[in-house]
Amino acid sequence: MKIVNYVDVTPEEYGHGITKRDVITADEAPTFHMRVFELPPGVGHPPHSHPFEHEVIVLSGQGIWTDGQKEYQTKKGDCMYIASGEKHGCANNGKEVFRIACLIPVLATCRAEDIEECFPL
C-alpha cells in the first residue's frame, strides 16, 4: 500500500498556468496513474481529446467543463467519466484554486523506450 499526501509531491508546470503533481505513477501502480492538477482562478485548458478514458474528481474549487458543445458547472465532490476520444476542456470560473484528481490508464503514460512493455505482442 502507498499513502501519499499530494502536497508532498513536487508540482510541475503543465502549461496554460496549470500545475500537475504525479501522485501515483506507472512505476508504482500497474494499471492506473493518478495526477492532481491545480488551475488558478481564470485559468483553463482548451478542449482536447485522448485515445484513452479517464476519471476525474473535483477536490476543491469550482470549474466549467466543456465537451466542445455544452458546458457543465462542477464543484468540490463532483466526479466525471471521460470516454476515450471524447473532447473535453475545463476552466476555473471561481475565486479559489480549482483542484482536480485525474486517473488515467498506465498505458496512456508509456514512454517511447518502454513501448514494448506497454504493448506486449
PDB file of N, CA and C in Angstrom:
ATOM      1  N   MET A   1       0.847  -1.176   0.000  1.00  0.00           N
ATOM      2  CA  MET A   1       0.000   0.000   0.000  1.00  0.00           C
ATOM      3  C   MET A   1       0.893   1.241   0.000  1.00  0.00           C
ATOM      4  N   LYS A   2       0.475   2.234  -0.745  1.00  0.00           N
ATOM      5  CA  LYS A   2       1.179   3.512  -0.734  1.00  0.00           C
ATOM      6  C   LYS A   2       0.190   4.588  -0.307  1.00  0.00           C
ATOM      7  N   ILE A   3       0.607   5.400   0.641  1.00  0.00           N
ATOM      8  CA  ILE A   3      -0.201   6.538   1.067  1.00  0.00           C
ATOM      9  C   ILE A   3       0.673   7.766   0.920  1.00  0.00           C
ATOM     10  N   VAL A   4       0.174   8.745   0.198  1.00  0.00           N
ATOM     11  CA  VAL A   4       0.923   9.975  -0.021  1.00  0.00           C
ATOM     12  C   VAL A   4      -0.054  11.144  -0.010  1.00  0.00           C
ATOM     13  N   ASN A   5       0.363  12.227   0.588  1.00  0.00           N
ATOM     14  CA  ASN A   5      -0.428  13.450   0.517  1.00  0.00           C
ATOM     15  C   ASN A   5       0.038  14.185  -0.732  1.00  0.00           C
ATOM     16  N   TYR A   6      -0.887  14.576  -1.587  1.00  0.00           N
ATOM     17  CA  TYR A   6      -0.497  15.188  -2.855  1.00  0.00           C
ATOM     18  C   TYR A   6       0.375  16.428  -2.664  1.00  0.00           C
ATOM     19  N   VAL A   7       0.242  17.146  -1.549  1.00  0.00           N
ATOM     20  CA  VAL A   7       1.066  18.349  -1.341  1.00  0.00           C
ATOM     21  C   VAL A   7       2.534  18.003  -1.120  1.00  0.00           C
ATOM     22  N   ASP A   8       2.826  16.736  -0.806  1.00  0.00           N
ATOM     23  CA  ASP A   8       4.204  16.308  -0.627  1.00  0.00           C
ATOM     24  C   ASP A   8       4.887  15.967  -1.958  1.00  0.00           C
ATOM     25  N   VAL A   9       4.126  15.989  -3.044  1.00  0.00           N
ATOM     26  CA  VAL A   9       4.666  15.707  -4.381  1.00  0.00           C
ATOM     27  C   VAL A   9       4.989  17.044  -5.050  1.00  0.00           C
ATOM     28  N   THR A  10       6.182  17.156  -5.589  1.00  0.00           N
ATOM     29  CA  THR A  10       6.627  18.395  -6.225  1.00  0.00           C
ATOM     30  C   THR A  10       5.769  18.704  -7.449  1.00  0.00           C
ATOM     31  N   PRO A  11       5.186  19.906  -7.514  1.00  0.00           N
ATOM     32  CA  PRO A  11       4.378  20.267  -8.687  1.00  0.00           C
ATOM     33  C   PRO A  11       5.269  20.580  -9.891  1.00  0.00           C
ATOM     34  N   GLU A  12       4.737  20.291 -11.084  1.00  0.00           N
ATOM     35  CA  GLU A  12       5.402  20.606 -12.344  1.00  0.00           C
ATOM     36  C   GLU A  12       4.516  21.567 -13.123  1.00  0.00           C
ATOM     37  N   GLU A  13       5.121  22.456 -13.871  1.00  0.00           N
ATOM     38  CA  GLU A  13       4.351  23.346 -14.752  1.00  0.00           C
ATOM     39  C   GLU A  13       3.809  22.500 -15.896  1.00  0.00           C
ATOM     40  N   TYR A  14       2.508  22.568 -16.121  1.00  0.00           N
ATOM     41  CA  TYR A  14       1.845  21.746 -17.135  1.00  0.00           C
ATOM     42  C   TYR A  14       1.528  22.545 -18.399  1.00  0.00           C
ATOM     43  N   GLY A  15       1.526  23.866 -18.284  1.00  0.00           N
ATOM     44  CA  GLY A  15       1.136  24.714 -19.407  1.00  0.00           C
ATOM     45  C   GLY A  15      -0.165  25.416 -19.102  1.00  0.00           C
ATOM     46  N   HIS A  16      -0.412  26.520 -19.761  1.00  0.00           N
ATOM     47  CA  HIS A  16      -1.634  27.306 -19.572  1.00  0.00           C
ATOM     48  C   HIS A  16      -1.767  27.823 -18.135  1.00  0.00           C
ATOM     49  N   GLY A  17      -0.663  27.865 -17.350  1.00  0.00           N
ATOM     50  CA  GLY A  17      -0.721  28.298 -15.955  1.00  0.00           C
ATOM     51  C   GLY A  17      -1.158  27.211 -14.991  1.00  0.00           C
ATOM     52  N   ILE A  18      -1.242  25.988 -15.466  1.00  0.00           N
ATOM     53  CA  ILE A  18      -1.708  24.842 -14.685  1.00  0.00           C
ATOM     54  C   ILE A  18      -0.500  24.100 -14.108  1.00  0.00           C
ATOM     55  N   THR A  19      -0.631  23.609 -12.866  1.00  0.00           N
ATOM     56  CA  THR A  19       0.406  22.746 -12.313  1.00  0.00           C
ATOM     57  C   THR A  19      -0.126  21.328 -12.193  1.00  0.00           C
ATOM     58  N   LYS A  20       0.811  20.371 -12.258  1.00  0.00           N
ATOM     59  CA  LYS A  20       0.468  18.943 -12.197  1.00  0.00           C
ATOM     60  C   LYS A  20       1.368  18.267 -11.175  1.00  0.00           C
ATOM     61  N   ARG A  21       0.775  17.351 -10.410  1.00  0.00           N
ATOM     62  CA  ARG A  21       1.538  16.522  -9.474  1.00  0.00           C
ATOM     63  C   ARG A  21       1.255  15.067  -9.829  1.00  0.00           C
ATOM     64  N   ASP A  22       2.291  14.309 -10.148  1.00  0.00           N
ATOM     65  CA  ASP A  22       2.145  12.878 -10.427  1.00  0.00           C
ATOM     66  C   ASP A  22       2.169  12.147  -9.092  1.00  0.00           C
ATOM     67  N   VAL A  23       0.987  11.884  -8.556  1.00  0.00           N
ATOM     68  CA  VAL A  23       0.848  11.335  -7.208  1.00  0.00           C
ATOM     69  C   VAL A  23       1.146   9.834  -7.175  1.00  0.00           C
ATOM     70  N   ILE A  24       0.548   9.080  -8.069  1.00  0.00           N
ATOM     71  CA  ILE A  24       0.811   7.650  -8.220  1.00  0.00           C
ATOM     72  C   ILE A  24       1.208   7.451  -9.676  1.00  0.00           C
ATOM     73  N   THR A  25       2.388   6.869  -9.902  1.00  0.00           N
ATOM     74  CA  THR A  25       2.906   6.752 -11.276  1.00  0.00           C
ATOM     75  C   THR A  25       2.946   5.306 -11.742  1.00  0.00           C
ATOM     76  N   ALA A  26       3.298   5.135 -13.006  1.00  0.00           N
ATOM     77  CA  ALA A  26       3.422   3.806 -13.595  1.00  0.00           C
ATOM     78  C   ALA A  26       4.509   2.991 -12.900  1.00  0.00           C
ATOM     79  N   ASP A  27       5.452   3.650 -12.258  1.00  0.00           N
ATOM     80  CA  ASP A  27       6.493   2.939 -11.511  1.00  0.00           C
ATOM     81  C   ASP A  27       5.948   2.311 -10.233  1.00  0.00           C
ATOM     82  N   GLU A  28       4.785   2.774  -9.779  1.00  0.00           N
ATOM     83  CA  GLU A  28       4.231   2.322  -8.503  1.00  0.00           C
ATOM     84  C   GLU A  28       2.943   1.523  -8.638  1.00  0.00           C
ATOM     85  N   ALA A  29       2.226   1.709  -9.724  1.00  0.00           N
ATOM     86  CA  ALA A  29       0.944   1.029  -9.893  1.00  0.00           C
ATOM     87  C   ALA A  29       0.876   0.420 -11.293  1.00  0.00           C
ATOM     88  N   PRO A  30       0.452  -0.816 -11.418  1.00  0.00           N
ATOM     89  CA  PRO A  30       0.462  -1.479 -12.717  1.00  0.00           C
ATOM     90  C   PRO A  30      -0.659  -1.074 -13.676  1.00  0.00           C
ATOM     91  N   THR A  31      -1.705  -0.443 -13.172  1.00  0.00           N
ATOM     92  CA  THR A  31      -2.872  -0.199 -14.024  1.00  0.00           C
ATOM     93  C   THR A  31      -3.228   1.271 -14.189  1.00  0.00           C
ATOM     94  N   PHE A  32      -3.212   2.046 -13.099  1.00  0.00           N
ATOM     95  CA  PHE A  32      -3.650   3.436 -13.166  1.00  0.00           C
ATOM     96  C   PHE A  32      -2.579   4.411 -12.702  1.00  0.00           C
ATOM     97  N   HIS A  33      -2.634   5.599 -13.253  1.00  0.00           N
ATOM     98  CA  HIS A  33      -1.743   6.707 -12.917  1.00  0.00           C
ATOM     99  C   HIS A  33      -2.641   7.796 -12.335  1.00  0.00           C
ATOM    100  N   MET A  34      -2.293   8.341 -11.152  1.00  0.00           N
ATOM    101  CA  MET A  34      -3.100   9.398 -10.544  1.00  0.00           C
ATOM    102  C   MET A  34      -2.323  10.704 -10.576  1.00  0.00           C
ATOM    103  N   ARG A  35      -2.997  11.745 -11.078  1.00  0.00           N
ATOM    104  CA  ARG A  35      -2.392  13.070 -11.151  1.00  0.00           C
ATOM    105  C   ARG A  35      -3.327  14.085 -10.505  1.00  0.00           C
ATOM    106  N   VAL A  36      -2.745  15.106  -9.878  1.00  0.00           N
ATOM    107  CA  VAL A  36      -3.536  16.198  -9.321  1.00  0.00           C
ATOM    108  C   VAL A  36      -3.153  17.461 -10.076  1.00  0.00           C
ATOM    109  N   PHE A  37      -4.157  18.127 -10.627  1.00  0.00           N
ATOM    110  CA  PHE A  37      -3.960  19.371 -11.372  1.00  0.00           C
ATOM    111  C   PHE A  37      -4.528  20.530 -10.575  1.00  0.00           C
ATOM    112  N   GLU A  38      -3.855  21.681 -10.660  1.00  0.00           N
ATOM    113  CA  GLU A  38      -4.332  22.891  -9.997  1.00  0.00           C
ATOM    114  C   GLU A  38      -4.407  24.015 -11.020  1.00  0.00           C
ATOM    115  N   LEU A  39      -5.606  24.606 -11.135  1.00  0.00           N
ATOM    116  CA  LEU A  39      -5.851  25.718 -12.051  1.00  0.00           C
ATOM    117  C   LEU A  39      -6.176  26.955 -11.225  1.00  0.00           C
ATOM    118  N   PRO A  40      -5.375  28.003 -11.324  1.00  0.00           N
ATOM    119  CA  PRO A  40      -5.689  29.246 -10.618  1.00  0.00           C
ATOM    120  C   PRO A  40      -6.966  29.879 -11.184  1.00  0.00           C
ATOM    121  N   PRO A  41      -7.582  30.794 -10.442  1.00  0.00           N
ATOM    122  CA  PRO A  41      -8.775  31.480 -10.959  1.00  0.00           C
ATOM    123  C   PRO A  41      -8.509  32.091 -12.337  1.00  0.00           C
ATOM    124  N   GLY A  42      -9.477  31.893 -13.229  1.00  0.00           N
ATOM    125  CA  GLY A  42      -9.392  32.453 -14.573  1.00  0.00           C
ATOM    126  C   GLY A  42      -8.597  31.629 -15.569  1.00  0.00           C
ATOM    127  N   VAL A  43      -7.975  30.549 -15.122  1.00  0.00           N
ATOM    128  CA  VAL A  43      -7.141  29.717 -15.999  1.00  0.00           C
ATOM    129  C   VAL A  43      -7.946  28.528 -16.507  1.00  0.00           C
ATOM    130  N   GLY A  44      -7.686  28.133 -17.755  1.00  0.00           N
ATOM    131  CA  GLY A  44      -8.380  26.992 -18.328  1.00  0.00           C
ATOM    132  C   GLY A  44      -7.488  26.184 -19.236  1.00  0.00           C
ATOM    133  N   HIS A  45      -7.986  25.030 -19.624  1.00  0.00           N
ATOM    134  CA  HIS A  45      -7.309  24.152 -20.573  1.00  0.00           C
ATOM    135  C   HIS A  45      -8.270  23.956 -21.740  1.00  0.00           C
ATOM    136  N   PRO A  46      -7.846  24.263 -22.967  1.00  0.00           N
ATOM    137  CA  PRO A  46      -8.763  24.190 -24.107  1.00  0.00           C
ATOM    138  C   PRO A  46      -9.239  22.759 -24.394  1.00  0.00           C
ATOM    139  N   PRO A  47     -10.379  22.632 -25.047  1.00  0.00           N
ATOM    140  CA  PRO A  47     -10.888  21.300 -25.396  1.00  0.00           C
ATOM    141  C   PRO A  47      -9.863  20.500 -26.197  1.00  0.00           C
ATOM    142  N   HIS A  48      -9.757  19.228 -25.849  1.00  0.00           N
ATOM    143  CA  HIS A  48      -8.823  18.299 -26.479  1.00  0.00           C
ATOM    144  C   HIS A  48      -9.374  16.893 -26.253  1.00  0.00           C
ATOM    145  N   SER A  49      -8.720  15.889 -26.778  1.00  0.00           N
ATOM    146  CA  SER A  49      -9.138  14.506 -26.539  1.00  0.00           C
ATOM    147  C   SER A  49      -7.907  13.616 -26.441  1.00  0.00           C
ATOM    148  N   HIS A  50      -8.122  12.403 -25.911  1.00  0.00           N
ATOM    149  CA  HIS A  50      -7.058  11.417 -25.758  1.00  0.00           C
ATOM    150  C   HIS A  50      -7.577  10.064 -26.244  1.00  0.00           C
ATOM    151  N   PRO A  51      -6.679   9.171 -26.635  1.00  0.00           N
ATOM    152  CA  PRO A  51      -7.121   7.831 -27.057  1.00  0.00           C
ATOM    153  C   PRO A  51      -7.269   6.878 -25.868  1.00  0.00           C
ATOM    154  N   PHE A  52      -7.697   7.411 -24.723  1.00  0.00           N
ATOM    155  CA  PHE A  52      -7.913   6.598 -23.532  1.00  0.00           C
ATOM    156  C   PHE A  52      -8.946   7.286 -22.647  1.00  0.00           C
ATOM    157  N   GLU A  53      -9.626   6.500 -21.830  1.00  0.00           N
ATOM    158  CA  GLU A  53     -10.599   7.051 -20.890  1.00  0.00           C
ATOM    159  C   GLU A  53      -9.885   7.621 -19.674  1.00  0.00           C
ATOM    160  N   HIS A  54     -10.565   8.454 -18.930  1.00  0.00           N
ATOM    161  CA  HIS A  54     -10.076   8.851 -17.623  1.00  0.00           C
ATOM    162  C   HIS A  54     -11.225   9.306 -16.739  1.00  0.00           C
ATOM    163  N   GLU A  55     -10.926   9.283 -15.439  1.00  0.00           N
ATOM    164  CA  GLU A  55     -11.897   9.664 -14.425  1.00  0.00           C
ATOM    165  C   GLU A  55     -11.334  10.848 -13.655  1.00  0.00           C
ATOM    166  N   VAL A  56     -12.231  11.744 -13.240  1.00  0.00           N
ATOM    167  CA  VAL A  56     -11.822  12.978 -12.573  1.00  0.00           C
ATOM    168  C   VAL A  56     -12.723  13.205 -11.363  1.00  0.00           C
ATOM    169  N   ILE A  57     -12.124  13.679 -10.265  1.00  0.00           N
ATOM    170  CA  ILE A  57     -12.895  14.132  -9.110  1.00  0.00           C
ATOM    171  C   ILE A  57     -12.411  15.535  -8.752  1.00  0.00           C
ATOM    172  N   VAL A  58     -13.363  16.413  -8.479  1.00  0.00           N
ATOM    173  CA  VAL A  58     -13.028  17.782  -8.075  1.00  0.00           C
ATOM    174  C   VAL A  58     -12.713  17.764  -6.583  1.00  0.00           C
ATOM    175  N   LEU A  59     -11.480  18.168  -6.239  1.00  0.00           N
ATOM    176  CA  LEU A  59     -11.043  18.188  -4.838  1.00  0.00           C
ATOM    177  C   LEU A  59     -11.354  19.509  -4.153  1.00  0.00           C
ATOM    178  N   SER A  60     -11.282  20.618  -4.909  1.00  0.00           N
ATOM    179  CA  SER A  60     -11.614  21.927  -4.340  1.00  0.00           C
ATOM    180  C   SER A  60     -11.907  22.911  -5.455  1.00  0.00           C
ATOM    181  N   GLY A  61     -12.620  23.962  -5.086  1.00  0.00           N
ATOM    182  CA  GLY A  61     -12.956  25.000  -6.048  1.00  0.00           C
ATOM    183  C   GLY A  61     -14.126  24.620  -6.932  1.00  0.00           C
ATOM    184  N   GLN A  62     -14.235  25.355  -8.019  1.00  0.00           N
ATOM    185  CA  GLN A  62     -15.297  25.092  -8.982  1.00  0.00           C
ATOM    186  C   GLN A  62     -14.760  25.375 -10.377  1.00  0.00           C
ATOM    187  N   GLY A  63     -15.385  24.745 -11.350  1.00  0.00           N
ATOM    188  CA  GLY A  63     -14.942  24.952 -12.721  1.00  0.00           C
ATOM    189  C   GLY A  63     -15.994  24.563 -13.727  1.00  0.00           C
ATOM    190  N   ILE A  64     -15.800  25.070 -14.911  1.00  0.00           N
ATOM    191  CA  ILE A  64     -16.663  24.751 -16.053  1.00  0.00           C
ATOM    192  C   ILE A  64     -15.951  23.706 -16.901  1.00  0.00           C
ATOM    193  N   TRP A  65     -16.647  22.647 -17.257  1.00  0.00           N
ATOM    194  CA  TRP A  65     -16.137  21.640 -18.192  1.00  0.00           C
ATOM    195  C   TRP A  65     -16.931  21.755 -19.479  1.00  0.00           C
ATOM    196  N   THR A  66     -16.296  21.494 -20.586  1.00  0.00           N
ATOM    197  CA  THR A  66     -16.992  21.512 -21.866  1.00  0.00           C
ATOM    198  C   THR A  66     -16.612  20.288 -22.682  1.00  0.00           C
ATOM    199  N   ASP A  67     -17.537  19.839 -23.484  1.00  0.00           N
ATOM    200  CA  ASP A  67     -17.249  18.776 -24.441  1.00  0.00           C
ATOM    201  C   ASP A  67     -17.108  19.373 -25.845  1.00  0.00           C
ATOM    202  N   GLY A  68     -16.968  20.699 -25.898  1.00  0.00           N
ATOM    203  CA  GLY A  68     -16.851  21.393 -27.172  1.00  0.00           C
ATOM    204  C   GLY A  68     -18.181  21.935 -27.664  1.00  0.00           C
ATOM    205  N   GLN A  69     -19.283  21.456 -27.057  1.00  0.00           N
ATOM    206  CA  GLN A  69     -20.608  21.915 -27.457  1.00  0.00           C
ATOM    207  C   GLN A  69     -21.422  22.415 -26.271  1.00  0.00           C
ATOM    208  N   LYS A  70     -21.341  21.709 -25.157  1.00  0.00           N
ATOM    209  CA  LYS A  70     -22.128  22.032 -23.972  1.00  0.00           C
ATOM    210  C   LYS A  70     -21.184  22.280 -22.797  1.00  0.00           C
ATOM    211  N   GLU A  71     -21.605  23.144 -21.862  1.00  0.00           N
ATOM    212  CA  GLU A  71     -20.810  23.420 -20.670  1.00  0.00           C
ATOM    213  C   GLU A  71     -21.485  22.819 -19.439  1.00  0.00           C
ATOM    214  N   TYR A  72     -20.648  22.371 -18.504  1.00  0.00           N
ATOM    215  CA  TYR A  72     -21.119  21.747 -17.275  1.00  0.00           C
ATOM    216  C   TYR A  72     -20.422  22.410 -16.093  1.00  0.00           C
ATOM    217  N   GLN A  73     -21.163  22.933 -15.144  1.00  0.00           N
ATOM    218  CA  GLN A  73     -20.591  23.527 -13.934  1.00  0.00           C
ATOM    219  C   GLN A  73     -20.271  22.408 -12.954  1.00  0.00           C
ATOM    220  N   THR A  74     -19.053  22.414 -12.391  1.00  0.00           N
ATOM    221  CA  THR A  74     -18.677  21.402 -11.409  1.00  0.00           C
ATOM    222  C   THR A  74     -18.135  22.071 -10.145  1.00  0.00           C
ATOM    223  N   LYS A  75     -18.189  21.325  -9.045  1.00  0.00           N
ATOM    224  CA  LYS A  75     -17.737  21.830  -7.750  1.00  0.00           C
ATOM    225  C   LYS A  75     -17.126  20.681  -6.963  1.00  0.00           C
ATOM    226  N   LYS A  76     -16.553  21.008  -5.807  1.00  0.00           N
ATOM    227  CA  LYS A  76     -15.930  20.020  -4.936  1.00  0.00           C
ATOM    228  C   LYS A  76     -16.846  18.808  -4.748  1.00  0.00           C
ATOM    229  N   GLY A  77     -16.266  17.626  -4.956  1.00  0.00           N
ATOM    230  CA  GLY A  77     -17.009  16.386  -4.779  1.00  0.00           C
ATOM    231  C   GLY A  77     -17.573  15.802  -6.057  1.00  0.00           C
ATOM    232  N   ASP A  78     -17.695  16.605  -7.112  1.00  0.00           N
ATOM    233  CA  ASP A  78     -18.235  16.089  -8.375  1.00  0.00           C
ATOM    234  C   ASP A  78     -17.224  15.151  -9.031  1.00  0.00           C
ATOM    235  N   CYS A  79     -17.734  14.082  -9.653  1.00  0.00           N
ATOM    236  CA  CYS A  79     -16.907  13.093 -10.340  1.00  0.00           C
ATOM    237  C   CYS A  79     -17.323  13.014 -11.797  1.00  0.00           C
ATOM    238  N   MET A  80     -16.349  12.785 -12.676  1.00  0.00           N
ATOM    239  CA  MET A  80     -16.623  12.709 -14.107  1.00  0.00           C
ATOM    240  C   MET A  80     -15.958  11.492 -14.721  1.00  0.00           C
ATOM    241  N   TYR A  81     -16.606  10.948 -15.713  1.00  0.00           N
ATOM    242  CA  TYR A  81     -16.016   9.909 -16.567  1.00  0.00           C
ATOM    243  C   TYR A  81     -15.887  10.523 -17.946  1.00  0.00           C
ATOM    244  N   ILE A  82     -14.690  10.462 -18.515  1.00  0.00           N
ATOM    245  CA  ILE A  82     -14.447  10.996 -19.852  1.00  0.00           C
ATOM    246  C   ILE A  82     -14.008   9.814 -20.720  1.00  0.00           C
ATOM    247  N   ALA A  83     -14.809   9.486 -21.716  1.00  0.00           N
ATOM    248  CA  ALA A  83     -14.561   8.321 -22.560  1.00  0.00           C
ATOM    249  C   ALA A  83     -13.377   8.556 -23.503  1.00  0.00           C
ATOM    250  N   SER A  84     -12.801   7.481 -23.953  1.00  0.00           N
ATOM    251  CA  SER A  84     -11.716   7.540 -24.929  1.00  0.00           C
ATOM    252  C   SER A  84     -12.187   8.312 -26.166  1.00  0.00           C
ATOM    253  N   GLY A  85     -11.400   9.289 -26.590  1.00  0.00           N
ATOM    254  CA  GLY A  85     -11.733  10.076 -27.770  1.00  0.00           C
ATOM    255  C   GLY A  85     -12.717  11.200 -27.529  1.00  0.00           C
ATOM    256  N   GLU A  86     -13.285  11.301 -26.329  1.00  0.00           N
ATOM    257  CA  GLU A  86     -14.266  12.349 -26.037  1.00  0.00           C
ATOM    258  C   GLU A  86     -13.570  13.699 -25.834  1.00  0.00           C
ATOM    259  N   LYS A  87     -14.047  14.705 -26.516  1.00  0.00           N
ATOM    260  CA  LYS A  87     -13.485  16.050 -26.372  1.00  0.00           C
ATOM    261  C   LYS A  87     -13.861  16.604 -24.997  1.00  0.00           C
ATOM    262  N   HIS A  88     -12.889  17.280 -24.358  1.00  0.00           N
ATOM    263  CA  HIS A  88     -13.133  17.859 -23.035  1.00  0.00           C
ATOM    264  C   HIS A  88     -12.123  18.966 -22.762  1.00  0.00           C
ATOM    265  N   GLY A  89     -12.542  19.922 -21.973  1.00  0.00           N
ATOM    266  CA  GLY A  89     -11.694  21.013 -21.531  1.00  0.00           C
ATOM    267  C   GLY A  89     -12.320  21.590 -20.281  1.00  0.00           C
ATOM    268  N   CYS A  90     -11.540  22.361 -19.526  1.00  0.00           N
ATOM    269  CA  CYS A  90     -12.086  22.931 -18.294  1.00  0.00           C
ATOM    270  C   CYS A  90     -11.471  24.287 -18.026  1.00  0.00           C
ATOM    271  N   ALA A  91     -12.140  25.056 -17.179  1.00  0.00           N
ATOM    272  CA  ALA A  91     -11.650  26.374 -16.785  1.00  0.00           C
ATOM    273  C   ALA A  91     -12.119  26.663 -15.366  1.00  0.00           C
ATOM    274  N   ASN A  92     -11.268  27.342 -14.627  1.00  0.00           N
ATOM    275  CA  ASN A  92     -11.602  27.755 -13.266  1.00  0.00           C
ATOM    276  C   ASN A  92     -12.412  29.041 -13.363  1.00  0.00           C
ATOM    277  N   ASN A  93     -13.674  28.973 -12.998  1.00  0.00           N
ATOM    278  CA  ASN A  93     -14.526  30.163 -13.007  1.00  0.00           C
ATOM    279  C   ASN A  93     -14.873  30.602 -11.583  1.00  0.00           C
ATOM    280  N   GLY A  94     -14.048  30.163 -10.626  1.00  0.00           N
ATOM    281  CA  GLY A  94     -14.270  30.519  -9.234  1.00  0.00           C
ATOM    282  C   GLY A  94     -13.213  31.489  -8.725  1.00  0.00           C
ATOM    283  N   LYS A  95     -13.184  31.645  -7.404  1.00  0.00           N
ATOM    284  CA  LYS A  95     -12.260  32.595  -6.773  1.00  0.00           C
ATOM    285  C   LYS A  95     -11.115  31.897  -6.037  1.00  0.00           C
ATOM    286  N   GLU A  96     -11.120  30.580  -6.001  1.00  0.00           N
ATOM    287  CA  GLU A  96     -10.043  29.825  -5.369  1.00  0.00           C
ATOM    288  C   GLU A  96      -9.485  28.825  -6.379  1.00  0.00           C
ATOM    289  N   VAL A  97      -8.406  28.162  -6.016  1.00  0.00           N
ATOM    290  CA  VAL A  97      -7.794  27.176  -6.900  1.00  0.00           C
ATOM    291  C   VAL A  97      -8.797  26.069  -7.221  1.00  0.00           C
ATOM    292  N   PHE A  98      -8.877  25.709  -8.493  1.00  0.00           N
ATOM    293  CA  PHE A  98      -9.691  24.585  -8.957  1.00  0.00           C
ATOM    294  C   PHE A  98      -8.744  23.388  -9.002  1.00  0.00           C
ATOM    295  N   ARG A  99      -8.949  22.450  -8.070  1.00  0.00           N
ATOM    296  CA  ARG A  99      -8.032  21.313  -7.914  1.00  0.00           C
ATOM    297  C   ARG A  99      -8.782  20.034  -8.259  1.00  0.00           C
ATOM    298  N   ILE A 100      -8.202  19.250  -9.162  1.00  0.00           N
ATOM    299  CA  ILE A 100      -8.837  18.000  -9.584  1.00  0.00           C
ATOM    300  C   ILE A 100      -7.832  16.849  -9.515  1.00  0.00           C
ATOM    301  N   ALA A 101      -8.334  15.661  -9.227  1.00  0.00           N
ATOM    302  CA  ALA A 101      -7.540  14.439  -9.334  1.00  0.00           C
ATOM    303  C   ALA A 101      -8.017  13.716 -10.584  1.00  0.00           C
ATOM    304  N   CYS A 102      -7.072  13.260 -11.369  1.00  0.00           N
ATOM    305  CA  CYS A 102      -7.373  12.603 -12.637  1.00  0.00           C
ATOM    306  C   CYS A 102      -6.694  11.241 -12.656  1.00  0.00           C
ATOM    307  N   LEU A 103      -7.447  10.201 -12.970  1.00  0.00           N
ATOM    308  CA  LEU A 103      -6.900   8.853 -13.100  1.00  0.00           C
ATOM    309  C   LEU A 103      -6.937   8.445 -14.558  1.00  0.00           C
ATOM    310  N   ILE A 104      -5.792   7.977 -15.046  1.00  0.00           N
ATOM    311  CA  ILE A 104      -5.695   7.519 -16.429  1.00  0.00           C
ATOM    312  C   ILE A 104      -5.023   6.148 -16.456  1.00  0.00           C
ATOM    313  N   PRO A 105      -5.243   5.365 -17.510  1.00  0.00           N
ATOM    314  CA  PRO A 105      -4.559   4.068 -17.602  1.00  0.00           C
ATOM    315  C   PRO A 105      -3.050   4.264 -17.714  1.00  0.00           C
ATOM    316  N   VAL A 106      -2.295   3.368 -17.119  1.00  0.00           N
ATOM    317  CA  VAL A 106      -0.839   3.435 -17.209  1.00  0.00           C
ATOM    318  C   VAL A 106      -0.392   3.430 -18.663  1.00  0.00           C
ATOM    319  N   LEU A 107      -1.077   2.702 -19.527  1.00  0.00           N
ATOM    320  CA  LEU A 107      -0.694   2.659 -20.946  1.00  0.00           C
ATOM    321  C   LEU A 107      -0.658   4.045 -21.569  1.00  0.00           C
ATOM    322  N   ALA A 108      -1.458   4.955 -21.045  1.00  0.00           N
ATOM    323  CA  ALA A 108      -1.501   6.316 -21.585  1.00  0.00           C
ATOM    324  C   ALA A 108      -0.250   7.106 -21.237  1.00  0.00           C
ATOM    325  N   THR A 109       0.537   6.632 -20.274  1.00  0.00           N
ATOM    326  CA  THR A 109       1.721   7.374 -19.846  1.00  0.00           C
ATOM    327  C   THR A 109       3.013   6.685 -20.266  1.00  0.00           C
ATOM    328  N   CYS A 110       2.927   5.721 -21.148  1.00  0.00           N
ATOM    329  CA  CYS A 110       4.122   4.991 -21.564  1.00  0.00           C
ATOM    330  C   CYS A 110       5.113   5.900 -22.266  1.00  0.00           C
ATOM    331  N   ARG A 111       6.372   5.691 -21.932  1.00  0.00           N
ATOM    332  CA  ARG A 111       7.444   6.400 -22.621  1.00  0.00           C
ATOM    333  C   ARG A 111       7.836   5.577 -23.842  1.00  0.00           C
ATOM    334  N   ALA A 112       8.375   6.239 -24.849  1.00  0.00           N
ATOM    335  CA  ALA A 112       8.751   5.564 -26.090  1.00  0.00           C
ATOM    336  C   ALA A 112       9.686   4.384 -25.833  1.00  0.00           C
ATOM    337  N   GLU A 113      10.643   4.543 -24.905  1.00  0.00           N
ATOM    338  CA  GLU A 113      11.599   3.464 -24.648  1.00  0.00           C
ATOM    339  C   GLU A 113      10.965   2.258 -23.959  1.00  0.00           C
ATOM    340  N   ASP A 114       9.754   2.438 -23.404  1.00  0.00           N
ATOM    341  CA  ASP A 114       9.066   1.343 -22.727  1.00  0.00           C
ATOM    342  C   ASP A 114       7.929   0.762 -23.558  1.00  0.00           C
ATOM    343  N   ILE A 115       7.830   1.153 -24.804  1.00  0.00           N
ATOM    344  CA  ILE A 115       6.662   0.818 -25.618  1.00  0.00           C
ATOM    345  C   ILE A 115       6.428  -0.692 -25.711  1.00  0.00           C
ATOM    346  N   GLU A 116       7.479  -1.507 -25.783  1.00  0.00           N
ATOM    347  CA  GLU A 116       7.283  -2.950 -25.880  1.00  0.00           C
ATOM    348  C   GLU A 116       6.686  -3.526 -24.614  1.00  0.00           C
ATOM    349  N   GLU A 117       7.053  -2.959 -23.456  1.00  0.00           N
ATOM    350  CA  GLU A 117       6.477  -3.414 -22.198  1.00  0.00           C
ATOM    351  C   GLU A 117       5.022  -2.975 -22.082  1.00  0.00           C
ATOM    352  N   CYS A 118       4.723  -1.789 -22.595  1.00  0.00           N
ATOM    353  CA  CYS A 118       3.359  -1.253 -22.504  1.00  0.00           C
ATOM    354  C   CYS A 118       2.406  -1.973 -23.458  1.00  0.00           C
ATOM    355  N   PHE A 119       2.906  -2.354 -24.609  1.00  0.00           N
ATOM    356  CA  PHE A 119       2.080  -3.006 -25.625  1.00  0.00           C
ATOM    357  C   PHE A 119       2.730  -4.315 -26.041  1.00  0.00           C
ATOM    358  N   PRO A 120       2.678  -5.335 -25.160  1.00  0.00           N
ATOM    359  CA  PRO A 120       3.335  -6.603 -25.494  1.00  0.00           C
ATOM    360  C   PRO A 120       2.676  -7.256 -26.690  1.00  0.00           C
ATOM    361  N   LEU A 121       3.485  -7.993 -27.459  1.00  0.00           N
ATOM    362  CA  LEU A 121       2.964  -8.709 -28.652  1.00  0.00           C
ATOM    363  C   LEU A 121       2.221  -9.949 -28.241  1.00  0.00           C
TER     364      LEU A 121
END
